[in-house]
């Protein structure tokens, strides 16, 4: 049985690994506990980074964990994402390279979408999945030419126009703390988002976003490339828990409306062993908004593997 005391360990160890065409960074905690229970594998949302999970991990018992910076994000190599299958392949490749076993996968948003493919690509390594508001729309969304937004030919997604340079972490915090869904974030998780979401600029003048705006835009612009994710969904035999946030409304739509759920309400029923918990009054940013509840659900899934 896993130790029930919350994890108060220091910062994780930072590692880099070359996988095929991209060098990825991941953060590891408690390697000495590897093989003594499940390994937690955390994957973040578009525009975020691995260290945004610090506040969740701090609420969990001590156990071996890996948190990945997806390609183009955080400290990983700055390569665009042109097809969502590639990020699932990255996760699977990392699991194989590190020989991870008994994985309880925890993915958020696009990271959760990709984790479905990763588990299907190496099913012998995954024990359970916790998919937090995964970007998996209805199956017909991939075949009817529908787009989540309409842009004029040659126009980039608005994310490409994000401010990319800040003088300090404090400036980023002050600029964002009252905007969008950020006021609903847990304060420490919001600080982690800003602190680890910046890197020193190459020219020595201040800091730039660890996920460049043009890479974030590439993710959104390719969001309907992986209709085959449903083949992965239907192939999985392991237990899958889907956490779904508030549904879209007429007031909350458009290319920068990130607060509502991108998850098809029927998704959980497509898994062989899936179930859903719906949070109708919470935003898409569930791990940042209700970290205590999310951590408790993760704890329950870990204990169910014992």
Protein backbone atom coordinates (compact mmCIF):
# COMPACT_ATOMS: atom_id res chain seq x y z
CA UNK A 1 0.00 0.00 0.00
CA UNK A 2 1.26 3.46 -0.89
CA UNK A 3 2.43 5.75 1.91
CA UNK A 4 -0.49 8.11 2.59
CA UNK A 5 1.60 11.11 3.72
CA UNK A 6 1.68 14.02 1.24
CA UNK A 7 4.88 14.42 -0.75
CA UNK A 8 7.02 17.26 0.61
CA UNK A 9 10.09 16.37 -1.43
CA UNK A 10 12.35 19.04 -2.98
CA UNK A 11 12.43 19.95 -6.65
CA UNK A 12 12.51 17.03 -9.06
CA UNK A 13 15.53 15.91 -11.07
CA UNK A 14 15.56 17.31 -14.60
CA UNK A 15 16.54 14.92 -17.41
CA UNK A 16 16.79 15.10 -21.20
CA UNK A 17 16.42 12.28 -23.67
CA UNK A 18 16.70 12.16 -27.46
CA UNK A 19 13.73 10.35 -29.00
CA UNK A 20 13.81 9.99 -32.78
CA UNK A 21 13.49 13.54 -34.12
CA UNK A 22 13.10 15.51 -30.88
CA UNK A 23 14.91 15.99 -27.58
CA UNK A 24 12.46 15.92 -24.69
CA UNK A 25 12.84 17.05 -21.08
CA UNK A 26 11.18 15.29 -18.19
CA UNK A 27 11.18 15.72 -14.43
CA UNK A 28 11.49 12.73 -12.12
CA UNK A 29 10.65 12.31 -8.44
CA UNK A 30 11.50 9.41 -6.16
CA UNK A 31 13.40 7.12 -8.52
CA UNK A 32 14.25 5.03 -5.45
CA UNK A 33 10.57 4.00 -5.28
CA UNK A 34 10.45 2.79 -8.86
CA UNK A 35 8.99 -0.72 -8.98
CA UNK A 36 7.53 -0.46 -5.47
CA UNK A 37 4.18 0.64 -6.80
CA UNK A 38 2.71 2.39 -9.83
CA UNK A 39 4.63 5.08 -11.68
CA UNK A 40 2.66 8.28 -12.18
CA UNK A 41 3.15 9.77 -15.65
CA UNK A 42 1.94 13.37 -15.96
CA UNK A 43 1.44 15.19 -19.27
CA UNK A 44 0.33 18.83 -19.49
CA UNK A 45 -1.97 20.85 -21.73
CA UNK A 46 -1.11 23.03 -24.74
CA UNK A 47 0.94 26.06 -23.75
CA UNK A 48 1.73 24.67 -20.29
CA UNK A 49 4.71 22.65 -19.02
CA UNK A 50 5.67 19.77 -16.77
CA UNK A 51 6.17 21.84 -13.61
CA UNK A 52 2.53 22.91 -13.57
CA UNK A 53 1.94 19.49 -11.95
CA UNK A 54 4.11 20.35 -8.92
CA UNK A 55 1.11 21.42 -6.85
CA UNK A 56 -0.79 18.23 -7.64
CA UNK A 57 2.21 16.00 -6.89
CA UNK A 58 2.76 17.80 -3.57
CA UNK A 59 -0.75 16.71 -2.54
CA UNK A 60 -0.06 13.04 -3.30
CA UNK A 61 1.80 10.33 -1.39
CA UNK A 62 5.45 9.75 -2.21
CA UNK A 63 5.81 7.57 -5.29
CA UNK A 64 7.83 7.37 -8.46
CA UNK A 65 6.65 9.98 -10.96
CA UNK A 66 7.58 11.40 -14.33
CA UNK A 67 6.29 14.75 -15.66
CA UNK A 68 6.96 15.43 -19.34
CA UNK A 69 7.54 18.68 -21.19
CA UNK A 70 5.89 17.94 -24.53
CA UNK A 71 7.74 18.80 -27.72
CA UNK A 72 7.82 22.54 -28.28
CA UNK A 73 7.00 23.19 -24.62
CA UNK A 74 8.91 23.90 -21.44
CA UNK A 75 12.53 22.77 -21.64
CA UNK A 76 11.98 20.36 -24.53
CA UNK A 77 13.21 21.06 -28.05
CA UNK A 78 11.23 23.79 -29.78
CA UNK A 79 9.59 21.85 -32.58
CA UNK A 80 6.04 22.51 -33.84
CA UNK A 81 3.26 19.96 -33.55
CA UNK A 82 1.73 19.38 -36.96
CA UNK A 83 -0.18 16.18 -36.20
CA UNK A 84 -1.51 15.14 -32.83
CA UNK A 85 -0.50 11.52 -33.31
CA UNK A 86 3.14 12.58 -32.89
CA UNK A 87 2.68 13.64 -29.27
CA UNK A 88 1.16 10.27 -28.37
CA UNK A 89 4.11 8.63 -30.10
CA UNK A 90 6.46 10.81 -28.02
CA UNK A 91 4.84 9.62 -24.80
CA UNK A 92 5.02 5.98 -25.86
CA UNK A 93 8.65 6.37 -26.93
CA UNK A 94 9.55 7.91 -23.57
CA UNK A 95 7.82 5.09 -21.70
CA UNK A 96 9.83 2.56 -23.70
CA UNK A 97 13.13 4.46 -23.42
CA UNK A 98 12.81 4.68 -19.63
CA UNK A 99 11.32 1.16 -19.42
CA UNK A 100 8.39 2.49 -17.40
CA UNK A 101 5.94 -0.12 -16.13
CA UNK A 102 2.72 -0.13 -14.12
CA UNK A 103 1.99 3.40 -15.32
CA UNK A 104 -0.95 5.39 -14.04
CA UNK A 105 -1.19 8.05 -16.73
CA UNK A 106 -2.50 11.51 -15.86
CA UNK A 107 -3.05 13.76 -18.86
CA UNK A 108 -4.72 17.14 -19.25
CA UNK A 109 -6.31 18.56 -22.41
CA UNK A 110 -4.13 17.82 -25.46
CA UNK A 111 -1.82 15.83 -23.20
CA UNK A 112 -4.74 13.58 -22.30
CA UNK A 113 -5.64 13.10 -25.97
CA UNK A 114 -2.06 12.03 -26.66
CA UNK A 115 -1.99 9.70 -23.66
CA UNK A 116 -4.80 7.65 -25.20
CA UNK A 117 -2.58 6.91 -28.18
CA UNK A 118 0.44 6.27 -25.96
CA UNK A 119 -1.42 3.66 -23.93
CA UNK A 120 -2.67 2.00 -27.12
CA UNK A 121 0.86 1.92 -28.55
CA UNK A 122 2.30 0.18 -25.48
CA UNK A 123 -0.63 -1.32 -23.56
CA UNK A 124 1.62 -3.60 -21.51
CA UNK A 125 3.07 -0.55 -19.72
CA UNK A 126 -0.12 1.26 -18.63
CA UNK A 127 -2.37 0.21 -15.75
CA UNK A 128 -4.89 3.07 -15.70
CA UNK A 129 -5.56 6.44 -17.31
CA UNK A 130 -6.91 9.63 -15.77
CA UNK A 131 -7.91 11.92 -18.63
CA UNK A 132 -8.61 15.45 -17.43
CA UNK A 133 -10.89 17.22 -19.90
CA UNK A 134 -9.21 15.60 -22.92
CA UNK A 135 -9.41 17.35 -26.28
CA UNK A 136 -11.38 14.57 -27.96
CA UNK A 137 -14.47 15.91 -29.75
CA UNK A 138 -17.22 13.76 -31.23
CA UNK A 139 -16.07 11.23 -33.86
CA UNK A 140 -17.84 13.08 -36.67
CA UNK A 141 -15.76 16.19 -35.91
CA UNK A 142 -12.83 14.52 -37.64
CA UNK A 143 -14.68 13.60 -40.81
CA UNK A 144 -17.15 16.35 -41.63
CA UNK A 145 -14.65 19.14 -42.24
CA UNK A 146 -15.69 20.95 -39.08
CA UNK A 147 -13.16 23.28 -37.50
CA UNK A 148 -13.15 24.52 -33.90
CA UNK A 149 -12.75 28.01 -35.36
CA UNK A 150 -12.79 29.70 -38.75
CA UNK A 151 -9.77 31.62 -39.99
CA UNK A 152 -9.15 33.42 -43.24
CA UNK A 153 -6.68 31.79 -45.62
CA UNK A 154 -3.13 32.38 -44.49
CA UNK A 155 -4.20 33.73 -41.09
CA UNK A 156 -2.57 32.32 -37.96
CA UNK A 157 -4.43 31.32 -34.85
CA UNK A 158 -4.66 34.22 -32.35
CA UNK A 159 -2.35 32.32 -29.97
CA UNK A 160 0.51 33.19 -32.34
CA UNK A 161 0.03 36.83 -31.36
CA UNK A 162 0.52 36.29 -27.64
CA UNK A 163 2.97 38.54 -25.86
CA UNK A 164 6.21 36.58 -25.80
CA UNK A 165 8.62 38.70 -23.74
CA UNK A 166 8.58 39.73 -20.10
CA UNK A 167 11.08 41.53 -17.90
CA UNK A 168 10.49 39.13 -15.01
CA UNK A 169 8.27 36.41 -13.59
CA UNK A 170 6.58 39.06 -11.46
CA UNK A 171 5.65 41.06 -14.56
CA UNK A 172 4.02 37.98 -16.09
CA UNK A 173 2.11 37.33 -12.88
CA UNK A 174 0.88 40.92 -12.68
CA UNK A 175 -0.18 40.92 -16.33
CA UNK A 176 -2.12 37.64 -16.19
CA UNK A 177 -3.47 37.27 -12.66
CA UNK A 178 -6.76 39.05 -13.40
CA UNK A 179 -7.21 37.75 -16.96
CA UNK A 180 -9.12 34.86 -18.51
CA UNK A 181 -9.43 31.87 -16.16
CA UNK A 182 -6.28 32.67 -14.20
CA UNK A 183 -8.12 34.19 -11.20
CA UNK A 184 -9.58 30.71 -10.60
CA UNK A 185 -6.16 29.02 -10.43
CA UNK A 186 -4.71 27.88 -7.12
CA UNK A 187 -2.22 30.66 -6.25
CA UNK A 188 0.85 28.44 -6.02
CA UNK A 189 0.01 26.57 -9.21
CA UNK A 190 -0.45 29.90 -10.98
CA UNK A 191 2.99 30.99 -9.76
CA UNK A 192 4.48 27.69 -10.94
CA UNK A 193 2.83 28.23 -14.33
CA UNK A 194 4.51 31.63 -14.67
CA UNK A 195 7.86 30.84 -13.04
CA UNK A 196 8.55 27.70 -15.07
CA UNK A 197 6.76 29.00 -18.16
CA UNK A 198 9.53 31.51 -18.89
CA UNK A 199 13.08 31.04 -20.11
CA UNK A 200 15.92 33.59 -20.38
CA UNK A 201 15.85 35.26 -23.79
CA UNK A 202 18.72 34.39 -26.12
CA UNK A 203 19.60 38.06 -26.51
CA UNK A 204 19.92 38.48 -22.74
CA UNK A 205 16.99 40.90 -22.50
CA UNK A 206 14.45 39.51 -20.07
CA UNK A 207 12.50 36.29 -20.57
CA UNK A 208 10.45 34.62 -23.27
CA UNK A 209 7.69 32.04 -23.11
CA UNK A 210 8.92 28.46 -22.78
CA UNK A 211 6.23 27.52 -25.30
CA UNK A 212 6.71 30.03 -28.15
CA UNK A 213 3.42 31.50 -29.42
CA UNK A 214 3.89 30.09 -32.91
CA UNK A 215 4.27 26.57 -31.49
CA UNK A 216 1.17 26.95 -29.35
CA UNK A 217 -0.67 28.09 -32.48
CA UNK A 218 0.58 25.03 -34.39
CA UNK A 219 -1.09 22.79 -31.80
CA UNK A 220 -4.47 24.48 -32.14
CA UNK A 221 -4.27 24.58 -35.92
CA UNK A 222 -3.67 20.81 -36.10
CA UNK A 223 -6.31 19.81 -33.55
CA UNK A 224 -8.44 17.86 -36.06
CA UNK A 225 -5.62 15.77 -37.51
CA UNK A 226 -5.97 12.64 -35.38
CA UNK A 227 -9.36 11.07 -35.94
CA UNK A 228 -7.64 7.70 -35.46
CA UNK A 229 -7.58 8.46 -31.74
CA UNK A 230 -10.94 6.67 -31.60
CA UNK A 231 -9.26 3.47 -32.74
CA UNK A 232 -6.99 3.83 -29.73
CA UNK A 233 -9.95 4.62 -27.47
CA UNK A 234 -11.76 1.45 -28.46
CA UNK A 235 -8.67 -0.76 -28.19
CA UNK A 236 -7.89 -0.02 -24.54
CA UNK A 237 -8.86 -2.58 -21.93
CA UNK A 238 -7.50 -0.77 -18.87
CA UNK A 239 -9.70 1.37 -16.59
CA UNK A 240 -10.06 4.95 -17.82
CA UNK A 241 -11.43 7.83 -15.76
CA UNK A 242 -12.55 10.90 -17.72
CA UNK A 243 -12.96 14.21 -15.88
CA UNK A 244 -15.11 16.62 -17.89
CA UNK A 245 -15.61 20.35 -17.25
CA UNK A 246 -18.40 22.78 -18.14
CA UNK A 247 -20.02 22.51 -21.55
CA UNK A 248 -19.59 25.24 -24.19
CA UNK A 249 -22.24 27.93 -24.46
CA UNK A 250 -23.06 30.70 -26.93
CA UNK A 251 -21.31 33.16 -24.63
CA UNK A 252 -18.14 31.04 -24.40
CA UNK A 253 -17.08 30.24 -27.96
CA UNK A 254 -14.38 31.25 -30.40
CA UNK A 255 -10.69 30.57 -31.03
CA UNK A 256 -9.56 31.86 -27.64
CA UNK A 257 -12.39 30.42 -25.53
CA UNK A 258 -10.39 27.93 -23.49
CA UNK A 259 -12.51 27.80 -20.35
CA UNK A 260 -15.07 25.25 -21.55
CA UNK A 261 -14.74 21.54 -22.11
CA UNK A 262 -13.50 20.20 -25.48
CA UNK A 263 -14.48 16.65 -24.45
CA UNK A 264 -17.33 14.86 -26.24
CA UNK A 265 -19.84 13.88 -23.52
CA UNK A 266 -20.03 10.37 -24.98
CA UNK A 267 -16.29 9.73 -24.79
CA UNK A 268 -16.19 7.70 -21.57
CA UNK A 269 -18.73 5.23 -22.95
CA UNK A 270 -16.48 4.53 -25.95
CA UNK A 271 -13.82 2.98 -23.72
CA UNK A 272 -14.23 -0.68 -22.83
CA UNK A 273 -13.75 0.17 -19.15
CA UNK A 274 -14.44 3.89 -18.91
CA UNK A 275 -16.30 6.12 -16.52
CA UNK A 276 -16.81 9.88 -16.23
CA UNK A 277 -17.02 12.49 -13.49
CA UNK A 278 -18.60 15.73 -14.67
CA UNK A 279 -17.81 19.13 -13.14
CA UNK A 280 -20.52 21.33 -14.73
CA UNK A 281 -19.48 24.49 -12.84
CA UNK A 282 -15.71 24.20 -13.35
CA UNK A 283 -13.49 25.35 -16.21
CA UNK A 284 -11.28 23.36 -18.53
CA UNK A 285 -8.38 24.04 -16.15
CA UNK A 286 -9.48 21.51 -13.55
CA UNK A 287 -6.01 20.65 -12.16
CA UNK A 288 -5.29 24.32 -11.54
CA UNK A 289 -8.77 25.23 -10.27
CA UNK A 290 -9.53 22.28 -7.95
CA UNK A 291 -6.16 20.65 -7.22
CA UNK A 292 -7.33 19.07 -3.96
CA UNK A 293 -10.18 17.23 -5.68
CA UNK A 294 -8.03 16.20 -8.63
CA UNK A 295 -5.27 14.92 -6.34
CA UNK A 296 -7.80 12.92 -4.33
CA UNK A 297 -9.14 11.30 -7.49
CA UNK A 298 -5.60 10.43 -8.60
CA UNK A 299 -4.92 8.96 -5.16
CA UNK A 300 -8.02 6.80 -5.47
CA UNK A 301 -6.96 5.48 -8.87
CA UNK A 302 -3.46 4.69 -7.56
CA UNK A 303 -4.88 2.83 -4.58
CA UNK A 304 -7.13 0.85 -6.93
CA UNK A 305 -4.02 -0.57 -8.63
CA UNK A 306 -2.63 -2.04 -5.39
